[in-house]
Amino acid sequence: MNLPIGISGLCLLLLSLPVKAEERPSFIDGFHGGVEGHYPRGTTQFIVDTMRKHPEWKLCLEIEPATWQSERARDAVAYQDFKQLLADFPDRVEFVSGAYGQP
């Protein structure tokens, strides 16, 4: 997977931090700007793998329709896996600003 070093480094840092039972970890990432911005190849598979690795995590995604349309064509297997995860666990993912909400 060809993710920017900052994102990969952040992932490793967050996953290695100790968490107390009363704390609720959060994960913030920089996938922003769609296929012309910061949604590199392999991102959908990364999301699927991370959801499977951490079934307790919930996601909030702001990814515009053009990116999903592109992913359906360029990484159909990961797209279908993600779609199946959404069907199996609908309460784990919230989509916000599902259109072109950014100026």
PDB file of N, CA and C in Angstrom:
ATOM      1  N   MET A   1       0.853  -1.166   0.000  1.00  0.00           N
ATOM      2  CA  MET A   1       0.000   0.000   0.000  1.00  0.00           C
ATOM      3  C   MET A   1       0.900   1.230   0.000  1.00  0.00           C
ATOM      4  N   ASN A   2       0.527   2.233  -0.728  1.00  0.00           N
ATOM      5  CA  ASN A   2       1.358   3.412  -0.896  1.00  0.00           C
ATOM      6  C   ASN A   2       0.729   4.603  -0.183  1.00  0.00           C
ATOM      7  N   LEU A   3       0.629   4.525   1.152  1.00  0.00           N
ATOM      8  CA  LEU A   3       0.061   5.621   1.933  1.00  0.00           C
ATOM      9  C   LEU A   3       1.152   6.615   2.293  1.00  0.00           C
ATOM     10  N   PRO A   4       0.804   7.887   2.395  1.00  0.00           N
ATOM     11  CA  PRO A   4       1.802   8.883   2.805  1.00  0.00           C
ATOM     12  C   PRO A   4       2.403   8.523   4.163  1.00  0.00           C
ATOM     13  N   ILE A   5       3.666   8.815   4.341  1.00  0.00           N
ATOM     14  CA  ILE A   5       4.376   8.441   5.570  1.00  0.00           C
ATOM     15  C   ILE A   5       3.714   9.034   6.804  1.00  0.00           C
ATOM     16  N   GLY A   6       3.148  10.223   6.696  1.00  0.00           N
ATOM     17  CA  GLY A   6       2.503  10.840   7.852  1.00  0.00           C
ATOM     18  C   GLY A   6       1.327  10.033   8.348  1.00  0.00           C
ATOM     19  N   ILE A   7       0.535   9.514   7.433  1.00  0.00           N
ATOM     20  CA  ILE A   7      -0.622   8.709   7.806  1.00  0.00           C
ATOM     21  C   ILE A   7      -0.174   7.394   8.408  1.00  0.00           C
ATOM     22  N   SER A   8       0.779   6.735   7.781  1.00  0.00           N
ATOM     23  CA  SER A   8       1.275   5.465   8.300  1.00  0.00           C
ATOM     24  C   SER A   8       1.886   5.650   9.680  1.00  0.00           C
ATOM     25  N   GLY A   9       2.667   6.700   9.834  1.00  0.00           N
ATOM     26  CA  GLY A   9       3.281   6.979  11.128  1.00  0.00           C
ATOM     27  C   GLY A   9       2.246   7.251  12.203  1.00  0.00           C
ATOM     28  N   LEU A  10       1.210   8.001  11.853  1.00  0.00           N
ATOM     29  CA  LEU A  10       0.141   8.285  12.806  1.00  0.00           C
ATOM     30  C   LEU A  10      -0.569   7.007  13.206  1.00  0.00           C
ATOM     31  N   CYS A  11      -0.825   6.128  12.248  1.00  0.00           N
ATOM     32  CA  CYS A  11      -1.471   4.852  12.542  1.00  0.00           C
ATOM     33  C   CYS A  11      -0.665   4.064  13.560  1.00  0.00           C
ATOM     34  N   LEU A  12       0.642   3.933  13.309  1.00  0.00           N
ATOM     35  CA  LEU A  12       1.492   3.173  14.210  1.00  0.00           C
ATOM     36  C   LEU A  12       1.549   3.812  15.589  1.00  0.00           C
ATOM     37  N   LEU A  13       1.613   5.129  15.634  1.00  0.00           N
ATOM     38  CA  LEU A  13       1.658   5.820  16.919  1.00  0.00           C
ATOM     39  C   LEU A  13       0.381   5.576  17.711  1.00  0.00           C
ATOM     40  N   LEU A  14      -0.771   5.760  17.072  1.00  0.00           N
ATOM     41  CA  LEU A  14      -2.033   5.593  17.783  1.00  0.00           C
ATOM     42  C   LEU A  14      -2.254   4.163  18.233  1.00  0.00           C
ATOM     43  N   LEU A  15      -1.858   3.202  17.427  1.00  0.00           N
ATOM     44  CA  LEU A  15      -2.074   1.806  17.781  1.00  0.00           C
ATOM     45  C   LEU A  15      -1.127   1.341  18.878  1.00  0.00           C
ATOM     46  N   SER A  16      -0.029   2.072  19.105  1.00  0.00           N
ATOM     47  CA  SER A  16       0.934   1.653  20.117  1.00  0.00           C
ATOM     48  C   SER A  16       0.727   2.361  21.457  1.00  0.00           C
ATOM     49  N   LEU A  17      -0.136   3.365  21.507  1.00  0.00           N
ATOM     50  CA  LEU A  17      -0.362   4.096  22.751  1.00  0.00           C
ATOM     51  C   LEU A  17      -1.156   3.254  23.743  1.00  0.00           C
ATOM     52  N   PRO A  18      -0.748   3.265  25.014  1.00  0.00           N
ATOM     53  CA  PRO A  18      -1.538   2.556  26.019  1.00  0.00           C
ATOM     54  C   PRO A  18      -2.855   3.299  26.259  1.00  0.00           C
ATOM     55  N   VAL A  19      -3.915   2.551  26.487  1.00  0.00           N
ATOM     56  CA  VAL A  19      -5.241   3.150  26.691  1.00  0.00           C
ATOM     57  C   VAL A  19      -5.812   2.617  27.989  1.00  0.00           C
ATOM     58  N   LYS A  20      -6.247   3.526  28.848  1.00  0.00           N
ATOM     59  CA  LYS A  20      -6.904   3.136  30.084  1.00  0.00           C
ATOM     60  C   LYS A  20      -8.332   2.714  29.769  1.00  0.00           C
ATOM     61  N   ALA A  21      -8.912   1.895  30.626  1.00  0.00           N
ATOM     62  CA  ALA A  21     -10.245   1.349  30.377  1.00  0.00           C
ATOM     63  C   ALA A  21     -11.294   2.442  30.199  1.00  0.00           C
ATOM     64  N   GLU A  22     -11.169   3.557  30.915  1.00  0.00           N
ATOM     65  CA  GLU A  22     -12.181   4.611  30.840  1.00  0.00           C
ATOM     66  C   GLU A  22     -11.978   5.553  29.647  1.00  0.00           C
ATOM     67  N   GLU A  23     -10.852   5.436  28.945  1.00  0.00           N
ATOM     68  CA  GLU A  23     -10.598   6.297  27.796  1.00  0.00           C
ATOM     69  C   GLU A  23     -11.182   5.692  26.531  1.00  0.00           C
ATOM     70  N   ARG A  24     -11.603   6.565  25.631  1.00  0.00           N
ATOM     71  CA  ARG A  24     -12.114   6.120  24.348  1.00  0.00           C
ATOM     72  C   ARG A  24     -11.184   6.635  23.261  1.00  0.00           C
ATOM     73  N   PRO A  25     -10.397   5.744  22.655  1.00  0.00           N
ATOM     74  CA  PRO A  25      -9.456   6.216  21.639  1.00  0.00           C
ATOM     75  C   PRO A  25     -10.170   6.738  20.399  1.00  0.00           C
ATOM     76  N   SER A  26      -9.549   7.696  19.754  1.00  0.00           N
ATOM     77  CA  SER A  26     -10.056   8.256  18.508  1.00  0.00           C
ATOM     78  C   SER A  26      -8.968   8.130  17.459  1.00  0.00           C
ATOM     79  N   PHE A  27      -9.376   8.071  16.227  1.00  0.00           N
ATOM     80  CA  PHE A  27      -8.433   7.976  15.128  1.00  0.00           C
ATOM     81  C   PHE A  27      -8.788   9.057  14.126  1.00  0.00           C
ATOM     82  N   ILE A  28      -7.840   9.911  13.835  1.00  0.00           N
ATOM     83  CA  ILE A  28      -8.061  10.994  12.885  1.00  0.00           C
ATOM     84  C   ILE A  28      -7.103  10.783  11.742  1.00  0.00           C
ATOM     85  N   ASP A  29      -7.614  10.849  10.544  1.00  0.00           N
ATOM     86  CA  ASP A  29      -6.770  10.625   9.386  1.00  0.00           C
ATOM     87  C   ASP A  29      -6.956  11.746   8.386  1.00  0.00           C
ATOM     88  N   GLY A  30      -6.133  11.766   7.361  1.00  0.00           N
ATOM     89  CA  GLY A  30      -6.138  12.867   6.416  1.00  0.00           C
ATOM     90  C   GLY A  30      -6.659  12.535   5.041  1.00  0.00           C
ATOM     91  N   PHE A  31      -7.517  11.533   4.923  1.00  0.00           N
ATOM     92  CA  PHE A  31      -8.071  11.221   3.612  1.00  0.00           C
ATOM     93  C   PHE A  31      -9.072  12.307   3.248  1.00  0.00           C
ATOM     94  N   HIS A  32      -8.640  13.226   2.444  1.00  0.00           N
ATOM     95  CA  HIS A  32      -9.445  14.408   2.132  1.00  0.00           C
ATOM     96  C   HIS A  32      -9.097  14.840   0.725  1.00  0.00           C
ATOM     97  N   GLY A  33     -10.081  15.127  -0.057  1.00  0.00           N
ATOM     98  CA  GLY A  33      -9.802  15.618  -1.397  1.00  0.00           C
ATOM     99  C   GLY A  33     -10.066  14.620  -2.497  1.00  0.00           C
ATOM    100  N   GLY A  34     -10.570  13.451  -2.143  1.00  0.00           N
ATOM    101  CA  GLY A  34     -10.950  12.486  -3.160  1.00  0.00           C
ATOM    102  C   GLY A  34      -9.779  11.946  -3.953  1.00  0.00           C
ATOM    103  N   VAL A  35     -10.087  11.346  -5.079  1.00  0.00           N
ATOM    104  CA  VAL A  35      -9.052  10.702  -5.883  1.00  0.00           C
ATOM    105  C   VAL A  35      -8.065  11.708  -6.450  1.00  0.00           C
ATOM    106  N   GLU A  36      -8.452  12.964  -6.541  1.00  0.00           N
ATOM    107  CA  GLU A  36      -7.536  14.005  -7.001  1.00  0.00           C
ATOM    108  C   GLU A  36      -6.747  14.594  -5.839  1.00  0.00           C
ATOM    109  N   GLY A  37      -7.083  14.192  -4.635  1.00  0.00           N
ATOM    110  CA  GLY A  37      -6.418  14.730  -3.453  1.00  0.00           C
ATOM    111  C   GLY A  37      -5.667  13.649  -2.708  1.00  0.00           C
ATOM    112  N   HIS A  38      -6.183  13.252  -1.567  1.00  0.00           N
ATOM    113  CA  HIS A  38      -5.447  12.373  -0.664  1.00  0.00           C
ATOM    114  C   HIS A  38      -6.192  11.070  -0.392  1.00  0.00           C
ATOM    115  N   TYR A  39      -6.645  10.431  -1.401  1.00  0.00           N
ATOM    116  CA  TYR A  39      -7.260   9.112  -1.272  1.00  0.00           C
ATOM    117  C   TYR A  39      -6.476   8.176  -2.190  1.00  0.00           C
ATOM    118  N   PRO A  40      -5.262   7.806  -1.766  1.00  0.00           N
ATOM    119  CA  PRO A  40      -4.398   7.000  -2.638  1.00  0.00           C
ATOM    120  C   PRO A  40      -4.931   5.587  -2.835  1.00  0.00           C
ATOM    121  N   ARG A  41      -4.436   4.947  -3.859  1.00  0.00           N
ATOM    122  CA  ARG A  41      -4.795   3.545  -4.091  1.00  0.00           C
ATOM    123  C   ARG A  41      -4.506   2.740  -2.835  1.00  0.00           C
ATOM    124  N   GLY A  42      -5.410   1.847  -2.516  1.00  0.00           N
ATOM    125  CA  GLY A  42      -5.244   1.008  -1.338  1.00  0.00           C
ATOM    126  C   GLY A  42      -5.962   1.529  -0.110  1.00  0.00           C
ATOM    127  N   THR A  43      -6.519   2.718  -0.185  1.00  0.00           N
ATOM    128  CA  THR A  43      -7.171   3.307   0.986  1.00  0.00           C
ATOM    129  C   THR A  43      -8.405   2.526   1.403  1.00  0.00           C
ATOM    130  N   THR A  44      -9.219   2.105   0.440  1.00  0.00           N
ATOM    131  CA  THR A  44     -10.431   1.360   0.794  1.00  0.00           C
ATOM    132  C   THR A  44     -10.062   0.040   1.455  1.00  0.00           C
ATOM    133  N   GLN A  45      -9.037  -0.633   0.928  1.00  0.00           N
ATOM    134  CA  GLN A  45      -8.582  -1.881   1.552  1.00  0.00           C
ATOM    135  C   GLN A  45      -8.043  -1.610   2.948  1.00  0.00           C
ATOM    136  N   PHE A  46      -7.339  -0.498   3.121  1.00  0.00           N
ATOM    137  CA  PHE A  46      -6.838  -0.097   4.442  1.00  0.00           C
ATOM    138  C   PHE A  46      -8.001   0.077   5.423  1.00  0.00           C
ATOM    139  N   ILE A  47      -9.075   0.716   4.986  1.00  0.00           N
ATOM    140  CA  ILE A  47     -10.251   0.915   5.839  1.00  0.00           C
ATOM    141  C   ILE A  47     -10.864  -0.439   6.211  1.00  0.00           C
ATOM    142  N   VAL A  48     -11.018  -1.313   5.222  1.00  0.00           N
ATOM    143  CA  VAL A  48     -11.586  -2.649   5.460  1.00  0.00           C
ATOM    144  C   VAL A  48     -10.718  -3.420   6.461  1.00  0.00           C
ATOM    145  N   ASP A  49      -9.415  -3.449   6.219  1.00  0.00           N
ATOM    146  CA  ASP A  49      -8.506  -4.181   7.104  1.00  0.00           C
ATOM    147  C   ASP A  49      -8.550  -3.630   8.522  1.00  0.00           C
ATOM    148  N   THR A  50      -8.591  -2.313   8.652  1.00  0.00           N
ATOM    149  CA  THR A  50      -8.619  -1.679   9.970  1.00  0.00           C
ATOM    150  C   THR A  50      -9.932  -1.967  10.687  1.00  0.00           C
ATOM    151  N   MET A  51     -11.040  -1.947   9.948  1.00  0.00           N
ATOM    152  CA  MET A  51     -12.334  -2.282  10.560  1.00  0.00           C
ATOM    153  C   MET A  51     -12.355  -3.723  11.060  1.00  0.00           C
ATOM    154  N   ARG A  52     -11.744  -4.605  10.308  1.00  0.00           N
ATOM    155  CA  ARG A  52     -11.701  -6.016  10.723  1.00  0.00           C
ATOM    156  C   ARG A  52     -10.771  -6.206  11.919  1.00  0.00           C
ATOM    157  N   LYS A  53      -9.670  -5.483  11.933  1.00  0.00           N
ATOM    158  CA  LYS A  53      -8.703  -5.613  13.026  1.00  0.00           C
ATOM    159  C   LYS A  53      -9.245  -5.028  14.330  1.00  0.00           C
ATOM    160  N   HIS A  54     -10.061  -3.993  14.219  1.00  0.00           N
ATOM    161  CA  HIS A  54     -10.591  -3.306  15.403  1.00  0.00           C
ATOM    162  C   HIS A  54     -12.119  -3.256  15.343  1.00  0.00           C
ATOM    163  N   PRO A  55     -12.798  -4.366  15.626  1.00  0.00           N
ATOM    164  CA  PRO A  55     -14.260  -4.398  15.496  1.00  0.00           C
ATOM    165  C   PRO A  55     -14.987  -3.458  16.455  1.00  0.00           C
ATOM    166  N   GLU A  56     -14.297  -2.957  17.461  1.00  0.00           N
ATOM    167  CA  GLU A  56     -14.928  -2.020  18.397  1.00  0.00           C
ATOM    168  C   GLU A  56     -14.903  -0.580  17.876  1.00  0.00           C
ATOM    169  N   TRP A  57     -14.121  -0.305  16.861  1.00  0.00           N
ATOM    170  CA  TRP A  57     -14.008   1.052  16.329  1.00  0.00           C
ATOM    171  C   TRP A  57     -15.234   1.422  15.514  1.00  0.00           C
ATOM    172  N   LYS A  58     -15.582   2.697  15.591  1.00  0.00           N
ATOM    173  CA  LYS A  58     -16.633   3.273  14.756  1.00  0.00           C
ATOM    174  C   LYS A  58     -16.003   4.375  13.925  1.00  0.00           C
ATOM    175  N   LEU A  59     -16.498   4.543  12.709  1.00  0.00           N
ATOM    176  CA  LEU A  59     -15.916   5.510  11.785  1.00  0.00           C
ATOM    177  C   LEU A  59     -16.919   6.581  11.407  1.00  0.00           C
ATOM    178  N   CYS A  60     -16.411   7.741  11.137  1.00  0.00           N
ATOM    179  CA  CYS A  60     -17.180   8.840  10.573  1.00  0.00           C
ATOM    180  C   CYS A  60     -16.415   9.273   9.324  1.00  0.00           C
ATOM    181  N   LEU A  61     -17.029   9.124   8.155  1.00  0.00           N
ATOM    182  CA  LEU A  61     -16.342   9.381   6.901  1.00  0.00           C
ATOM    183  C   LEU A  61     -16.977  10.531   6.132  1.00  0.00           C
ATOM    184  N   GLU A  62     -16.152  11.416   5.641  1.00  0.00           N
ATOM    185  CA  GLU A  62     -16.582  12.477   4.743  1.00  0.00           C
ATOM    186  C   GLU A  62     -15.838  12.253   3.432  1.00  0.00           C
ATOM    187  N   ILE A  63     -16.422  11.435   2.606  1.00  0.00           N
ATOM    188  CA  ILE A  63     -15.807  11.077   1.321  1.00  0.00           C
ATOM    189  C   ILE A  63     -16.871  11.258   0.255  1.00  0.00           C
ATOM    190  N   GLU A  64     -16.565  12.086  -0.721  1.00  0.00           N
ATOM    191  CA  GLU A  64     -17.578  12.460  -1.711  1.00  0.00           C
ATOM    192  C   GLU A  64     -17.888  11.313  -2.667  1.00  0.00           C
ATOM    193  N   PRO A  65     -19.058  11.343  -3.292  1.00  0.00           N
ATOM    194  CA  PRO A  65     -19.509  10.255  -4.169  1.00  0.00           C
ATOM    195  C   PRO A  65     -18.549   9.924  -5.305  1.00  0.00           C
ATOM    196  N   ALA A  66     -17.865  10.904  -5.854  1.00  0.00           N
ATOM    197  CA  ALA A  66     -16.954  10.636  -6.969  1.00  0.00           C
ATOM    198  C   ALA A  66     -15.827   9.686  -6.550  1.00  0.00           C
ATOM    199  N   THR A  67     -15.392   9.770  -5.310  1.00  0.00           N
ATOM    200  CA  THR A  67     -14.346   8.869  -4.826  1.00  0.00           C
ATOM    201  C   THR A  67     -14.862   7.442  -4.760  1.00  0.00           C
ATOM    202  N   TRP A  68     -16.075   7.252  -4.225  1.00  0.00           N
ATOM    203  CA  TRP A  68     -16.644   5.903  -4.156  1.00  0.00           C
ATOM    204  C   TRP A  68     -16.871   5.341  -5.555  1.00  0.00           C
ATOM    205  N   GLN A  69     -17.306   6.189  -6.472  1.00  0.00           N
ATOM    206  CA  GLN A  69     -17.505   5.751  -7.849  1.00  0.00           C
ATOM    207  C   GLN A  69     -16.169   5.287  -8.444  1.00  0.00           C
ATOM    208  N   SER A  70     -15.132   6.040  -8.193  1.00  0.00           N
ATOM    209  CA  SER A  70     -13.805   5.680  -8.678  1.00  0.00           C
ATOM    210  C   SER A  70     -13.317   4.381  -8.037  1.00  0.00           C
ATOM    211  N   GLU A  71     -13.507   4.247  -6.733  1.00  0.00           N
ATOM    212  CA  GLU A  71     -13.063   3.049  -6.023  1.00  0.00           C
ATOM    213  C   GLU A  71     -13.803   1.804  -6.500  1.00  0.00           C
ATOM    214  N   ARG A  72     -15.069   1.954  -6.809  1.00  0.00           N
ATOM    215  CA  ARG A  72     -15.845   0.817  -7.318  1.00  0.00           C
ATOM    216  C   ARG A  72     -15.214   0.283  -8.604  1.00  0.00           C
ATOM    217  N   ALA A  73     -14.653   1.171  -9.411  1.00  0.00           N
ATOM    218  CA  ALA A  73     -14.037   0.760 -10.674  1.00  0.00           C
ATOM    219  C   ALA A  73     -12.586   0.307 -10.503  1.00  0.00           C
ATOM    220  N   ARG A  74     -11.793   1.014  -9.686  1.00  0.00           N
ATOM    221  CA  ARG A  74     -10.356   0.717  -9.643  1.00  0.00           C
ATOM    222  C   ARG A  74      -9.969  -0.303  -8.585  1.00  0.00           C
ATOM    223  N   ASP A  75     -10.812  -0.540  -7.582  1.00  0.00           N
ATOM    224  CA  ASP A  75     -10.526  -1.549  -6.554  1.00  0.00           C
ATOM    225  C   ASP A  75     -11.831  -2.221  -6.149  1.00  0.00           C
ATOM    226  N   ALA A  76     -12.409  -2.953  -7.095  1.00  0.00           N
ATOM    227  CA  ALA A  76     -13.749  -3.530  -6.924  1.00  0.00           C
ATOM    228  C   ALA A  76     -13.831  -4.496  -5.744  1.00  0.00           C
ATOM    229  N   VAL A  77     -12.784  -5.261  -5.483  1.00  0.00           N
ATOM    230  CA  VAL A  77     -12.817  -6.233  -4.388  1.00  0.00           C
ATOM    231  C   VAL A  77     -12.902  -5.516  -3.041  1.00  0.00           C
ATOM    232  N   ALA A  78     -12.037  -4.536  -2.827  1.00  0.00           N
ATOM    233  CA  ALA A  78     -12.064  -3.785  -1.570  1.00  0.00           C
ATOM    234  C   ALA A  78     -13.377  -3.024  -1.427  1.00  0.00           C
ATOM    235  N   TYR A  79     -13.867  -2.460  -2.520  1.00  0.00           N
ATOM    236  CA  TYR A  79     -15.143  -1.738  -2.491  1.00  0.00           C
ATOM    237  C   TYR A  79     -16.272  -2.667  -2.046  1.00  0.00           C
ATOM    238  N   GLN A  80     -16.328  -3.871  -2.625  1.00  0.00           N
ATOM    239  CA  GLN A  80     -17.374  -4.829  -2.258  1.00  0.00           C
ATOM    240  C   GLN A  80     -17.211  -5.308  -0.807  1.00  0.00           C
ATOM    241  N   ASP A  81     -15.963  -5.503  -0.366  1.00  0.00           N
ATOM    242  CA  ASP A  81     -15.721  -5.880   1.030  1.00  0.00           C
ATOM    243  C   ASP A  81     -16.201  -4.793   1.978  1.00  0.00           C
ATOM    244  N   PHE A  82     -15.929  -3.541   1.640  1.00  0.00           N
ATOM    245  CA  PHE A  82     -16.378  -2.424   2.456  1.00  0.00           C
ATOM    246  C   PHE A  82     -17.904  -2.352   2.477  1.00  0.00           C
ATOM    247  N   LYS A  83     -18.494  -2.516   1.324  1.00  0.00           N
ATOM    248  CA  LYS A  83     -19.955  -2.504   1.213  1.00  0.00           C
ATOM    249  C   LYS A  83     -20.582  -3.609   2.078  1.00  0.00           C
ATOM    250  N   GLN A  84     -19.952  -4.787   2.087  1.00  0.00           N
ATOM    251  CA  GLN A  84     -20.454  -5.890   2.904  1.00  0.00           C
ATOM    252  C   GLN A  84     -20.314  -5.591   4.391  1.00  0.00           C
ATOM    253  N   LEU A  85     -19.190  -4.989   4.784  1.00  0.00           N
ATOM    254  CA  LEU A  85     -19.025  -4.595   6.185  1.00  0.00           C
ATOM    255  C   LEU A  85     -20.103  -3.604   6.608  1.00  0.00           C
ATOM    256  N   LEU A  86     -20.430  -2.675   5.713  1.00  0.00           N
ATOM    257  CA  LEU A  86     -21.491  -1.711   6.011  1.00  0.00           C
ATOM    258  C   LEU A  86     -22.830  -2.410   6.194  1.00  0.00           C
ATOM    259  N   ALA A  87     -23.103  -3.420   5.373  1.00  0.00           N
ATOM    260  CA  ALA A  87     -24.359  -4.161   5.483  1.00  0.00           C
ATOM    261  C   ALA A  87     -24.401  -4.996   6.765  1.00  0.00           C
ATOM    262  N   ASP A  88     -23.267  -5.602   7.126  1.00  0.00           N
ATOM    263  CA  ASP A  88     -23.203  -6.452   8.313  1.00  0.00           C
ATOM    264  C   ASP A  88     -23.197  -5.660   9.616  1.00  0.00           C
ATOM    265  N   PHE A  89     -22.607  -4.467   9.583  1.00  0.00           N
ATOM    266  CA  PHE A  89     -22.453  -3.656  10.797  1.00  0.00           C
ATOM    267  C   PHE A  89     -22.830  -2.207  10.502  1.00  0.00           C
ATOM    268  N   PRO A  90     -24.100  -1.930  10.259  1.00  0.00           N
ATOM    269  CA  PRO A  90     -24.512  -0.574   9.834  1.00  0.00           C
ATOM    270  C   PRO A  90     -24.272   0.511  10.878  1.00  0.00           C
ATOM    271  N   ASP A  91     -24.133   0.149  12.138  1.00  0.00           N
ATOM    272  CA  ASP A  91     -23.935   1.156  13.186  1.00  0.00           C
ATOM    273  C   ASP A  91     -22.472   1.542  13.374  1.00  0.00           C
ATOM    274  N   ARG A  92     -21.579   0.965  12.604  1.00  0.00           N
ATOM    275  CA  ARG A  92     -20.154   1.270  12.779  1.00  0.00           C
ATOM    276  C   ARG A  92     -19.667   2.429  11.945  1.00  0.00           C
ATOM    277  N   VAL A  93     -20.408   2.818  10.921  1.00  0.00           N
ATOM    278  CA  VAL A  93     -19.936   3.865  10.019  1.00  0.00           C
ATOM    279  C   VAL A  93     -21.004   4.925   9.831  1.00  0.00           C
ATOM    280  N   GLU A  94     -20.587   6.167   9.997  1.00  0.00           N
ATOM    281  CA  GLU A  94     -21.465   7.308   9.736  1.00  0.00           C
ATOM    282  C   GLU A  94     -20.861   8.089   8.575  1.00  0.00           C
ATOM    283  N   PHE A  95     -21.696   8.388   7.597  1.00  0.00           N
ATOM    284  CA  PHE A  95     -21.253   9.205   6.463  1.00  0.00           C
ATOM    285  C   PHE A  95     -21.785  10.615   6.673  1.00  0.00           C
ATOM    286  N   VAL A  96     -20.905  11.590   6.568  1.00  0.00           N
ATOM    287  CA  VAL A  96     -21.312  12.985   6.721  1.00  0.00           C
ATOM    288  C   VAL A  96     -20.972  13.748   5.457  1.00  0.00           C
ATOM    289  N   SER A  97     -21.748  14.765   5.172  1.00  0.00           N
ATOM    290  CA  SER A  97     -21.506  15.621   4.013  1.00  0.00           C
ATOM    291  C   SER A  97     -21.278  14.776   2.768  1.00  0.00           C
ATOM    292  N   GLY A  98     -22.222  13.901   2.479  1.00  0.00           N
ATOM    293  CA  GLY A  98     -22.075  12.920   1.413  1.00  0.00           C
ATOM    294  C   GLY A  98     -22.115  13.473   0.000  1.00  0.00           C
ATOM    295  N   ALA A  99     -22.207  14.764  -0.149  1.00  0.00           N
ATOM    296  CA  ALA A  99     -22.175  15.368  -1.470  1.00  0.00           C
ATOM    297  C   ALA A  99     -20.897  16.199  -1.553  1.00  0.00           C
ATOM    298  N   TYR A 100     -20.939  17.259  -2.286  1.00  0.00           N
ATOM    299  CA  TYR A 100     -19.765  18.121  -2.406  1.00  0.00           C
ATOM    300  C   TYR A 100     -19.906  19.259  -1.407  1.00  0.00           C
ATOM    301  N   GLY A 101     -19.732  18.927  -0.103  1.00  0.00           N
ATOM    302  CA  GLY A 101     -19.990  19.880   0.954  1.00  0.00           C
ATOM    303  C   GLY A 101     -18.864  20.855   1.212  1.00  0.00           C
ATOM    304  N   GLN A 102     -17.719  20.619   0.626  1.00  0.00           N
ATOM    305  CA  GLN A 102     -16.598  21.499   0.881  1.00  0.00           C
ATOM    306  C   GLN A 102     -16.497  22.529  -0.239  1.00  0.00           C
ATOM    307  N   PRO A 103     -16.144  23.776   0.114  1.00  0.00           N
ATOM    308  CA  PRO A 103     -16.058  24.813  -0.910  1.00  0.00           C
ATOM    309  C   PRO A 103     -14.893  24.564  -1.859  1.00  0.00           C
TER     310      PRO A 103
END
